[in-house]
């Protein structure tokens, strides 16, 4: 029995570790790292990079000579004539050969193909980095959405707790006939409305968690808790982003820009490879062969030794007319290069537009956050005064509930502006190459 307990203790940590949901707290950084190892799109892009490496090795191998060998053994029969004998006389022979060939010159096409394949690896790596950045931004957005929805739930719970207290006081005052049954019913109606709001907030919170878990390729179910970072340091700064400075930084670090530059170089090599077909191809070959025939009267190995025939040679293939195929290939390559140029320009322009939009979003988000914070503080103060007046019987339940509703709306707008500002700031960090952290 003790033996089985020891086994259980040994394997229990492995079992617990196998389920990522069992980790107590998921920070943003941890979510991103995990997603980048599990996301299917990222993993497929990694396979594309590996294919590019194989293509590069294949292109380099074209510089090497080939070698092949052959062994043949045949049987034959000749009909007996002029000897007075009828029937057939059999014979057999063996042939052995080894040959090798190498391309000496073919218009530099092999070298250009090797360089093109090398650039293909770089292009695949930049594509992988771009994919990882896209996934990271999606994780950031989903993570902040979870935090926002969780605050909405907590705020809704606080509102319910506050209204329940007011409902208790309203019931006492109704018993004392200080307020009417209508006033009491209105407070009850507000409580029911807030419970409905809570149900909706909890639903949105669950959806937000599911979205985050699915981006991370984690099966939904079990325990999944995220960290709650202190965000005040982000909210207390005032940014005046410089579009030009951020754009210049992004041009030097963003993988999609570097990938577009590499793709243009690859397209330029297509034209060089196509032009190489105008040149002749010079090949060198060498070989050795031997054979054996049974009716020559010498021994097998003696005959093989005496029949060794080495050979070597050069061949020059000169293109004369190829039905304009080379010319058309060159024109097609030129079109491809122009297309790659336009793609690079479009990538740079799109990056600039995104940064311009991100800078404007930060400025607008800061203004909206300041306004919503001021509105929330003023509405909170008004709601607190209305609650005191309602408790003292100075105002009716209608006035109290109007103030309460205004507070709920202001609080929701404040939360939206808060997380919108945080996301906008992090987008700027992203374009400046600052790691996505909270």
Foldseek 3Di string as FASTA:
>chain_A
DVVVVVVCVVCVVVVQVVAPQNDDAAFLVNLLVLLCVPPPVLVVLVVQLVVLVVQLVVLVCLQPKDKDKDKDKDKDWDADPPPPDGDIDMKMKIKIKMKIKGWPDQLCLSVLSNVLSVLSSLLSVLVSVQVSLVLSLQLVVLVLQLVLLVVQLVVLVVLLVVLVVVLVLVVVCVVVVLDDPVLSVVSVVVNVVSVVSNVVSVVSNLVSVVSSCVSSVRDPDDHHHYDDDDCVVLLPDDDQDDLVVLLVLLCVDRSVLVSLVSQLVSLVSQLSSLVSNQAKIKMKMKMKMFMDMPPPPDDDVVRRVVGIDIDIDMDIGHDDDDPCPSVVSNVVSVVSSVVSVVSSVVVSVVSSVVSVVLSVLLNVLSVQLVVLVVQLVVLVVVLVVLVVCVSVSNDGSVVNVVSSVSNSVSVSSNSVSVSSNVSSVQVSCVSNVHDDGD
